[in-house]
Amino acid sequence: MASFAEFGAPRFSVDVYQNEYLPEGAREVDAIVTVTSRPGGTARGYPAAGAGTGAPSAGGAPGHTDAAVVIMIDASGSMDYPPSKMRNARDATAAAIATLRDGVSFAVVAGTHEAEEIYPGGGTMAVAGPETREEAGKALRKLRADGGTAIGTWLRLADKLLSGSDATVRHAVLLTDGRNEHEEPERLREALDACAGRFTCDARGVGTDWEVKEVTGIASALLGSADIVAEPEGLTADFEEMMRNAMGKEVADVALRLWTPQGSSVKLVKQVAPTVEDLTDRRTDAGPRSGDYPTGSWGDESRDYHVCIEVPAAEIGQEMLAGRAALIVPEAGGGTPQTLAQGLLRAVWTDDPAAATSINAQVAHYTGQVELAQAIQDGLDLRKAGDERGATAKLGRAVQLAHDSGNGDTSKLLSKVVDVVDAPTGTVRLKAKVADADEMTLEARSTKTVRVKI
């Protein structure tokens, strides 16, 4: 049930995995929609993925860039405790800039209780090249830690800088070591709402004095990744990897468009691999019975989405097209969006119990992965609240789900928070002492999933 469409660079395909058979009276159609993009040509000025550091930008006049990046570095007073945090943050930012392709626009923002563009300054962006990399390094060496933390102001400055660029792919990196203590939570939420859909952002917390839900919330709202860098010495490698991933993006503003027939409606849309991200409430209407769900920028990668559509009940023997899932990208100048690839969801009502009750392996697997992520979050929240019995039950269930799905990385992280007595049954004991870094790592990476083994 695959369809395939080319779009210069990259090529997209959509595969739909489902059990289309429903018992009489059933109304919910569940499917896993797998979207894959692979490198193609260099259409519309996009360079081939993985061009590497210093590769010339494809297409366009001198100064044209296909990507723009803003790096936001926490420069609050706490970054000097210990001093290695600020030192490594400066080095990591310089390494990230060195990883940019020549021709990519970039800027560096120092974030405290306000935001300051420390390079290149003047509300502009520099174009990556030997000279600007050297200048940025000099500006970074002058950066000192002093002041508070108001992340919303950092994001708004990043948005202002990126909106002034003609780049197709707009990306940001945000590093913090503390909580957003110098602005109201509503101000951060307002900033995220204003920036959503305008650029993507990877967020990182260094050390253990920051709030996991705050950092993951930023990444979630801006369709980026979130993680912990417990030791400042790990920042450079992490920044380089983030920038390599950003440089691999070729198409921006891709949306998953779902069409449903008369009388049907979309009940759920959730990214389930490589991480869990609920997109249900991010729908934008796109014409009669169609809605768009944002997926951000794409390079050479594959992602899975769980789609649930509610259809009218039907009698045995009837069948219908329950929905159509398409990848679309805006046309330059505001024209009709182009369809990159699409797949179909079907519903067939049957009185065969074996066919009607069979759960598709992909759907079953990812339902378990979503439950795993939620069990970890609930368990850690209960542990912090002092509910040992509730925390043990939830984290035990998480251990069981991780074991059953073969999610070895999550199993290892869980074993640092609980003593595993029997993984298949989820029998665990809470550890008396847990390092802050271990607990925060488990929470930050709880939404990472593994793909189903076919």
Protein backbone atom coordinates (compact mmCIF):
# COMPACT_ATOMS: atom_id res chain seq x y z
CA MET A 1 0.00 0.00 0.00
CA ALA A 2 2.78 2.42 -0.85
CA SER A 3 2.79 5.41 -3.09
CA PHE A 4 5.83 7.30 -4.21
CA ALA A 5 6.49 10.77 -5.47
CA GLU A 6 9.63 12.63 -6.41
CA PHE A 7 10.30 16.22 -5.55
CA GLY A 8 13.75 17.00 -6.87
CA ALA A 9 15.53 16.83 -3.55
CA PRO A 10 14.75 14.77 -1.66
CA ARG A 11 12.42 11.99 -2.81
CA PHE A 12 9.54 11.19 -0.45
CA SER A 13 7.50 8.02 -0.04
CA VAL A 14 4.54 7.11 2.15
CA ASP A 15 3.71 3.59 3.38
CA VAL A 16 0.52 2.80 5.29
CA TYR A 17 0.37 -0.13 7.74
CA GLN A 18 -3.03 -1.10 9.10
CA ASN A 19 -5.60 -3.83 9.58
CA GLU A 20 -8.39 -2.41 7.45
CA TYR A 21 -10.92 -5.01 8.64
CA LEU A 22 -13.46 -3.87 11.23
CA PRO A 23 -16.27 -5.70 13.02
CA GLU A 24 -19.83 -4.56 12.45
CA GLY A 25 -20.51 -1.24 14.16
CA ALA A 26 -16.82 -0.35 14.64
CA ARG A 27 -15.92 3.22 13.77
CA GLU A 28 -12.20 3.74 14.46
CA VAL A 29 -9.57 3.17 11.79
CA ASP A 30 -5.98 3.03 13.11
CA ALA A 31 -2.91 3.09 10.92
CA ILE A 32 0.82 3.75 11.07
CA VAL A 33 1.92 6.09 8.31
CA THR A 34 5.64 5.77 7.56
CA VAL A 35 7.18 8.73 5.77
CA THR A 36 10.64 8.34 4.24
CA SER A 37 12.78 10.90 2.46
CA ARG A 38 15.91 10.06 0.52
CA PRO A 39 18.46 12.37 -1.13
CA GLY A 40 17.64 13.32 -4.68
CA GLY A 41 18.99 15.97 -7.03
CA THR A 42 19.59 19.64 -6.38
CA ALA A 43 16.27 21.08 -7.46
CA ARG A 44 15.19 24.50 -6.21
CA GLY A 45 18.68 25.29 -4.93
CA TYR A 46 18.83 22.52 -2.31
CA PRO A 47 22.28 20.92 -1.98
CA ALA A 48 22.62 17.17 -1.63
CA ALA A 49 22.38 15.97 1.98
CA GLY A 50 25.65 15.43 3.79
CA ALA A 51 27.55 17.91 1.63
CA GLY A 52 29.79 18.44 4.63
CA THR A 53 31.64 21.34 6.18
CA GLY A 54 32.76 23.95 3.71
CA ALA A 55 30.77 22.55 0.78
CA PRO A 56 29.57 25.33 -1.49
CA SER A 57 25.94 26.29 -1.34
CA ALA A 58 23.95 25.05 -4.32
CA GLY A 59 22.31 27.45 -6.71
CA GLY A 60 21.56 31.11 -6.46
CA ALA A 61 23.41 34.37 -6.64
CA PRO A 62 26.39 35.24 -4.43
CA GLY A 63 25.25 35.53 -0.84
CA HIS A 64 22.23 33.24 -1.36
CA THR A 65 21.85 30.72 1.45
CA ASP A 66 19.71 27.62 1.64
CA ALA A 67 19.82 27.54 5.44
CA ALA A 68 20.00 29.96 8.36
CA VAL A 69 20.99 29.11 11.93
CA VAL A 70 20.84 31.06 15.20
CA ILE A 71 22.69 29.68 18.23
CA MET A 72 21.36 30.88 21.61
CA ILE A 73 23.81 30.45 24.48
CA ASP A 74 22.85 30.89 28.12
CA ALA A 75 25.11 33.64 29.49
CA SER A 76 23.44 33.98 32.90
CA GLY A 77 25.56 34.16 36.04
CA SER A 78 25.10 30.47 36.83
CA MET A 79 27.09 29.52 33.71
CA ASP A 80 30.21 30.40 35.73
CA TYR A 81 29.48 27.70 38.34
CA PRO A 82 31.62 25.84 37.51
CA PRO A 83 33.53 28.00 34.98
CA SER A 84 33.87 24.96 32.70
CA LYS A 85 30.23 25.42 31.64
CA MET A 86 30.81 28.76 29.95
CA ARG A 87 34.20 27.72 28.59
CA ASN A 88 32.79 24.59 27.02
CA ALA A 89 29.71 26.45 25.76
CA ARG A 90 31.97 28.91 23.92
CA ASP A 91 34.04 26.06 22.45
CA ALA A 92 30.93 24.11 21.44
CA THR A 93 29.43 27.12 19.68
CA ALA A 94 32.65 27.70 17.75
CA ALA A 95 32.68 24.01 16.77
CA ALA A 96 29.07 24.23 15.60
CA ILE A 97 29.90 27.25 13.44
CA ALA A 98 32.87 25.34 11.98
CA THR A 99 30.42 22.59 10.98
CA LEU A 100 28.26 24.95 8.91
CA ARG A 101 28.48 24.78 5.14
CA ASP A 102 30.02 27.81 3.46
CA GLY A 103 27.22 30.16 2.50
CA VAL A 104 24.91 29.36 5.40
CA SER A 105 23.61 32.38 7.31
CA PHE A 106 24.27 32.36 11.06
CA ALA A 107 24.17 34.48 14.19
CA VAL A 108 25.01 33.99 17.87
CA VAL A 109 22.77 35.25 20.68
CA ALA A 110 23.79 35.55 24.33
CA GLY A 111 20.80 34.94 26.58
CA THR A 112 20.32 36.36 30.06
CA HIS A 113 17.29 38.24 31.42
CA GLU A 114 17.42 39.82 27.98
CA ALA A 115 18.83 38.77 24.60
CA GLU A 116 21.90 40.23 22.89
CA GLU A 117 23.23 39.40 19.44
CA ILE A 118 26.96 39.06 20.02
CA TYR A 119 27.74 38.16 16.41
CA PRO A 120 27.56 39.60 13.84
CA GLY A 121 25.40 42.29 15.48
CA GLY A 122 23.17 45.02 14.16
CA GLY A 123 20.20 42.72 13.65
CA THR A 124 21.87 41.01 10.70
CA MET A 125 23.28 37.55 10.01
CA ALA A 126 26.74 36.55 8.83
CA VAL A 127 27.48 34.23 5.92
CA ALA A 128 29.60 31.24 6.92
CA GLY A 129 33.13 31.31 5.55
CA PRO A 130 36.71 31.33 6.86
CA GLU A 131 36.65 35.02 7.80
CA THR A 132 33.27 35.03 9.56
CA ARG A 133 34.10 31.85 11.47
CA GLU A 134 37.24 33.51 12.80
CA GLU A 135 35.36 36.69 13.72
CA ALA A 136 32.66 34.68 15.51
CA GLY A 137 35.35 32.88 17.50
CA LYS A 138 36.79 36.20 18.65
CA ALA A 139 33.33 37.42 19.71
CA LEU A 140 32.71 34.19 21.64
CA ARG A 141 35.98 34.52 23.56
CA LYS A 142 34.70 37.84 24.95
CA LEU A 143 31.45 36.30 26.20
CA ARG A 144 31.10 36.37 29.99
CA ALA A 145 28.44 35.01 32.35
CA ASP A 146 26.30 37.60 34.12
CA GLY A 147 22.56 38.16 34.61
CA GLY A 148 19.36 36.15 34.83
CA THR A 149 17.31 33.89 32.55
CA ALA A 150 14.37 34.92 30.34
CA ILE A 151 14.25 32.40 27.50
CA GLY A 152 11.26 33.97 25.76
CA THR A 153 13.38 37.03 24.91
CA TRP A 154 16.05 34.79 23.37
CA LEU A 155 13.52 33.07 21.14
CA ARG A 156 11.98 36.33 19.98
CA LEU A 157 15.38 37.68 18.95
CA ALA A 158 16.16 34.43 17.13
CA ASP A 159 12.84 34.73 15.31
CA LYS A 160 13.59 38.33 14.32
CA LEU A 161 16.99 37.36 12.94
CA LEU A 162 15.73 34.30 11.05
CA SER A 163 12.74 36.13 9.59
CA GLY A 164 15.13 38.57 7.94
CA SER A 165 16.85 35.74 6.04
CA ASP A 166 15.78 34.40 2.64
CA ALA A 167 16.85 30.89 3.67
CA THR A 168 14.49 27.99 3.12
CA VAL A 169 15.57 25.99 6.17
CA ARG A 170 15.51 28.04 9.38
CA HIS A 171 16.95 26.42 12.48
CA ALA A 172 18.00 27.39 16.00
CA VAL A 173 19.93 25.82 18.86
CA LEU A 174 19.23 26.78 22.47
CA LEU A 175 21.46 25.94 25.43
CA THR A 176 20.54 26.65 29.05
CA ASP A 177 21.84 25.60 32.44
CA GLY A 178 18.99 26.86 34.61
CA ARG A 179 15.31 27.51 35.00
CA ASN A 180 13.44 30.32 33.27
CA GLU A 181 13.24 32.36 36.46
CA HIS A 182 13.17 35.94 35.18
CA GLU A 183 9.98 35.98 33.14
CA GLU A 184 6.48 34.67 33.74
CA PRO A 185 5.68 31.23 32.27
CA GLU A 186 3.04 32.94 30.13
CA ARG A 187 5.72 35.04 28.42
CA LEU A 188 7.64 31.93 27.39
CA ARG A 189 4.44 30.32 26.13
CA GLU A 190 3.58 33.43 24.13
CA ALA A 191 7.05 33.43 22.58
CA LEU A 192 6.76 29.77 21.65
CA ASP A 193 3.35 30.34 20.09
CA ALA A 194 4.75 33.25 18.09
CA CYS A 195 7.76 31.23 16.88
CA ALA A 196 5.98 27.94 16.12
CA GLY A 197 6.08 27.17 12.41
CA ARG A 198 8.65 29.90 11.72
CA PHE A 199 11.75 27.91 12.63
CA THR A 200 12.76 24.64 14.27
CA CYS A 201 14.83 24.53 17.45
CA ASP A 202 16.98 21.94 19.21
CA ALA A 203 17.14 22.58 22.97
CA ARG A 204 19.78 21.35 25.39
CA GLY A 205 20.23 21.52 29.14
CA VAL A 206 23.77 21.44 30.53
CA GLY A 207 24.42 20.25 34.08
CA THR A 208 21.53 19.34 36.37
CA ASP A 209 20.03 22.62 37.59
CA TRP A 210 17.56 23.15 34.73
CA GLU A 211 13.93 22.03 34.34
CA VAL A 212 13.45 19.07 32.00
CA LYS A 213 9.81 19.85 31.15
CA GLU A 214 10.79 23.41 30.27
CA VAL A 215 13.49 22.37 27.81
CA THR A 216 11.52 19.52 26.28
CA GLY A 217 8.52 21.84 25.98
CA ILE A 218 10.58 24.30 23.92
CA ALA A 219 11.81 21.57 21.58
CA SER A 220 8.31 20.11 21.27
CA ALA A 221 6.70 23.43 20.36
CA LEU A 222 9.38 24.15 17.76
CA LEU A 223 9.62 20.61 16.33
CA GLY A 224 13.21 20.05 17.43
CA SER A 225 15.09 17.65 19.67
CA ALA A 226 15.75 17.93 23.40
CA ASP A 227 18.43 16.30 25.52
CA ILE A 228 20.68 16.62 28.54
CA VAL A 229 24.42 17.20 28.43
CA ALA A 230 25.22 16.34 32.01
CA GLU A 231 28.93 17.14 31.75
CA PRO A 232 30.00 20.40 30.06
CA GLU A 233 32.85 18.54 28.37
CA GLY A 234 30.26 16.79 26.21
CA LEU A 235 28.89 19.99 24.67
CA THR A 236 31.23 20.19 21.67
CA ALA A 237 30.43 16.72 20.36
CA ASP A 238 26.71 17.31 20.90
CA PHE A 239 26.73 20.71 19.14
CA GLU A 240 28.63 19.29 16.19
CA GLU A 241 26.12 16.47 15.83
CA MET A 242 23.17 18.87 16.05
CA MET A 243 24.68 21.07 13.35
CA ARG A 244 25.45 18.14 11.07
CA ASN A 245 21.80 17.08 11.38
CA ALA A 246 20.65 20.63 10.65
CA MET A 247 22.88 20.82 7.59
CA GLY A 248 21.31 17.58 6.34
CA LYS A 249 17.84 19.17 6.14
CA GLU A 250 16.78 19.87 2.57
CA VAL A 251 13.08 20.72 2.63
CA ALA A 252 11.36 22.92 5.22
CA ASP A 253 7.77 23.45 6.31
CA VAL A 254 6.59 19.98 5.30
CA ALA A 255 3.09 19.12 6.53
CA LEU A 256 1.18 15.86 6.82
CA ARG A 257 -2.16 16.57 5.15
CA LEU A 258 -5.06 14.30 6.08
CA TRP A 259 -8.22 14.18 3.97
CA THR A 260 -11.28 12.38 5.32
CA PRO A 261 -14.60 11.68 3.55
CA GLN A 262 -17.96 13.16 4.48
CA GLY A 263 -19.05 12.07 7.96
CA SER A 264 -15.51 11.14 9.05
CA SER A 265 -13.06 13.03 11.27
CA VAL A 266 -9.48 12.78 12.46
CA LYS A 267 -9.34 11.64 16.06
CA LEU A 268 -5.57 11.45 16.60
CA VAL A 269 -2.31 12.27 14.82
CA LYS A 270 0.85 11.43 16.72
CA GLN A 271 4.46 11.07 15.64
CA VAL A 272 5.63 7.81 17.20
CA ALA A 273 9.17 7.42 15.79
CA PRO A 274 11.91 8.38 16.29
CA THR A 275 10.23 10.20 19.19
CA VAL A 276 6.68 10.58 20.49
CA GLU A 277 5.09 13.93 19.62
CA ASP A 278 1.34 14.57 19.71
CA LEU A 279 0.30 16.69 16.71
CA THR A 280 -3.47 16.33 17.10
CA ASP A 281 -4.09 19.86 18.35
CA ARG A 282 -1.73 21.47 15.81
CA ARG A 283 -4.10 21.01 12.88
CA THR A 284 -4.57 23.82 10.38
CA ASP A 285 -7.60 23.54 8.14
CA ALA A 286 -6.63 23.13 4.48
CA GLY A 287 -9.92 23.11 2.61
CA PRO A 288 -13.03 20.91 2.74
CA ARG A 289 -12.40 17.85 4.96
CA SER A 290 -8.59 18.37 4.93
CA GLY A 291 -6.20 19.44 7.64
CA ASP A 292 -2.43 19.98 7.83
CA TYR A 293 -0.22 18.80 10.69
CA PRO A 294 3.32 20.32 10.87
CA THR A 295 6.34 18.02 10.62
CA GLY A 296 9.13 20.59 10.25
CA SER A 297 12.23 20.13 8.10
CA TRP A 298 13.38 16.93 6.41
CA GLY A 299 16.63 15.44 5.21
CA ASP A 300 17.62 11.80 4.70
CA GLU A 301 15.37 10.14 7.31
CA SER A 302 12.21 8.20 8.11
CA ARG A 303 9.47 8.91 10.65
CA ASP A 304 6.33 7.07 11.73
CA TYR A 305 2.93 8.60 12.54
CA HIS A 306 -0.06 7.02 14.26
CA VAL A 307 -3.29 8.20 12.64
CA CYS A 308 -6.76 7.39 13.98
CA ILE A 309 -9.83 8.32 11.92
CA GLU A 310 -13.42 8.00 13.10
CA VAL A 311 -15.74 6.88 10.29
CA PRO A 312 -19.51 6.29 10.11
CA ALA A 313 -20.60 2.80 11.18
CA ALA A 314 -21.37 0.46 8.28
CA GLU A 315 -22.77 -3.00 7.63
CA ILE A 316 -20.90 -6.21 6.93
CA GLY A 317 -19.42 -6.30 3.44
CA GLN A 318 -19.19 -2.54 3.00
CA GLU A 319 -15.86 -0.84 2.42
CA MET A 320 -14.71 2.74 2.10
CA LEU A 321 -11.74 5.01 1.67
CA ALA A 322 -11.29 6.15 5.26
CA GLY A 323 -8.65 8.78 4.57
CA ARG A 324 -5.75 9.97 2.50
CA ALA A 325 -2.36 10.92 4.02
CA ALA A 326 -0.19 13.18 1.91
CA LEU A 327 3.08 15.05 2.42
CA ILE A 328 2.81 18.61 1.14
CA VAL A 329 5.20 21.55 0.94
CA PRO A 330 4.32 25.21 0.31
CA GLU A 331 5.05 26.55 -3.14
CA ALA A 332 7.31 29.60 -3.33
CA GLY A 333 5.26 32.75 -3.64
CA GLY A 334 2.20 31.28 -1.94
CA GLY A 335 0.97 29.12 -4.80
CA THR A 336 -0.77 25.77 -4.54
CA PRO A 337 1.20 23.43 -2.21
CA GLN A 338 2.98 20.56 -3.93
CA THR A 339 2.22 16.97 -2.98
CA LEU A 340 5.40 14.99 -2.31
CA ALA A 341 3.83 11.57 -1.72
CA GLN A 342 0.60 10.05 -0.43
CA GLY A 343 -0.97 6.86 0.90
CA LEU A 344 -4.52 5.63 1.49
CA LEU A 345 -6.34 4.37 4.61
CA ARG A 346 -9.15 1.87 4.07
CA ALA A 347 -12.01 0.41 6.11
CA VAL A 348 -13.71 -2.92 5.35
CA TRP A 349 -16.43 -4.32 7.61
CA THR A 350 -16.38 -8.09 8.08
CA ASP A 351 -17.99 -10.82 10.18
CA ASP A 352 -14.75 -12.82 10.22
CA PRO A 353 -13.63 -12.63 13.90
CA ALA A 354 -10.02 -13.47 13.11
CA ALA A 355 -9.69 -10.68 10.55
CA ALA A 356 -11.63 -8.10 12.57
CA THR A 357 -9.81 -8.60 15.87
CA SER A 358 -6.26 -8.84 14.51
CA ILE A 359 -4.15 -5.84 15.57
CA ASN A 360 -1.59 -4.70 13.03
CA ALA A 361 1.94 -5.28 14.37
CA GLN A 362 3.01 -1.70 13.67
CA VAL A 363 -0.02 -0.22 15.42
CA ALA A 364 0.40 -2.54 18.43
CA HIS A 365 4.11 -1.78 18.74
CA TYR A 366 3.77 1.98 18.71
CA THR A 367 0.77 1.95 21.02
CA GLY A 368 3.11 0.25 23.48
CA GLN A 369 5.90 2.79 22.87
CA VAL A 370 3.54 5.69 23.57
CA GLU A 371 2.39 3.97 26.76
CA LEU A 372 6.06 3.46 27.71
CA ALA A 373 6.81 7.18 27.39
CA GLN A 374 3.77 8.09 29.45
CA ALA A 375 4.55 5.50 32.14
CA ILE A 376 8.04 6.95 32.58
CA GLN A 377 6.73 10.50 32.86
CA ASP A 378 4.02 9.50 35.31
CA GLY A 379 6.41 7.37 37.36
CA LEU A 380 9.00 10.13 37.71
CA ASP A 381 6.33 12.68 38.62
CA LEU A 382 4.95 10.35 41.32
CA ARG A 383 8.47 9.70 42.61
CA LYS A 384 9.09 13.45 42.97
CA ALA A 385 5.75 13.79 44.77
CA GLY A 386 6.76 11.11 47.28
CA ASP A 387 4.25 8.48 46.09
CA GLU A 388 6.55 5.46 46.19
CA ARG A 389 3.81 2.89 45.55
CA GLY A 390 2.47 4.73 42.51
CA ALA A 391 5.96 5.41 41.17
CA THR A 392 6.94 1.75 41.56
CA ALA A 393 3.85 0.61 39.65
CA LYS A 394 4.35 3.05 36.77
CA LEU A 395 8.09 2.53 36.43
CA GLY A 396 7.60 -1.23 36.71
CA ARG A 397 5.16 -1.06 33.80
CA ALA A 398 7.74 1.00 31.88
CA VAL A 399 10.39 -1.67 32.48
CA GLN A 400 7.98 -4.34 31.22
CA LEU A 401 7.10 -2.36 28.07
CA ALA A 402 10.74 -1.53 27.32
CA HIS A 403 11.65 -5.20 27.70
CA ASP A 404 8.78 -6.44 25.52
CA SER A 405 9.54 -3.97 22.71
CA GLY A 406 13.29 -4.45 22.74
CA ASN A 407 13.95 -0.83 23.70
CA GLY A 408 17.37 -1.51 25.17
CA ASP A 409 18.44 2.12 25.57
CA THR A 410 15.39 2.96 27.68
CA SER A 411 15.83 -0.25 29.69
CA LYS A 412 19.37 0.85 30.61
CA LEU A 413 18.16 4.29 31.67
CA LEU A 414 15.37 2.78 33.78
CA SER A 415 17.86 0.49 35.54
CA LYS A 416 19.57 3.57 36.97
CA VAL A 417 16.35 4.66 38.66
CA VAL A 418 14.91 1.29 39.76
CA ASP A 419 16.32 -2.09 40.69
CA VAL A 420 14.85 -4.54 38.18
CA VAL A 421 13.76 -7.77 39.85
CA ASP A 422 11.99 -9.28 36.85
CA ALA A 423 11.67 -7.31 33.59
CA PRO A 424 9.05 -9.51 31.85
CA THR A 425 6.59 -8.96 34.71
CA GLY A 426 7.68 -5.40 35.49
CA THR A 427 8.69 -6.21 39.06
CA VAL A 428 10.97 -3.45 40.34
CA ARG A 429 12.09 -1.62 43.47
CA LEU A 430 12.80 2.10 43.61
CA LYS A 431 16.45 2.87 44.24
CA ALA A 432 17.05 4.68 47.52
CA LYS A 433 19.43 7.15 45.88
CA VAL A 434 19.38 8.27 42.28
CA ALA A 435 21.82 10.71 40.71
CA ASP A 436 20.11 13.84 39.40
CA ALA A 437 21.74 13.35 36.00
CA ASP A 438 20.38 9.80 35.71
CA GLU A 439 16.82 10.83 36.56
CA MET A 440 16.93 13.83 34.23
CA THR A 441 18.38 11.76 31.39
CA LEU A 442 15.56 9.24 31.70
CA GLU A 443 12.97 12.02 31.70
CA ALA A 444 14.53 13.91 28.78
CA ARG A 445 14.83 10.77 26.64
CA SER A 446 11.57 9.10 27.66
CA THR A 447 9.92 9.88 24.32
CA LYS A 448 12.62 8.19 22.22
CA THR A 449 11.22 5.05 20.59
CA VAL A 450 12.48 2.02 18.71
CA ARG A 451 11.02 0.87 15.43
CA VAL A 452 9.04 -2.32 15.17
CA LYS A 453 11.02 -5.44 14.27
CA ILE A 454 9.40 -6.98 11.19
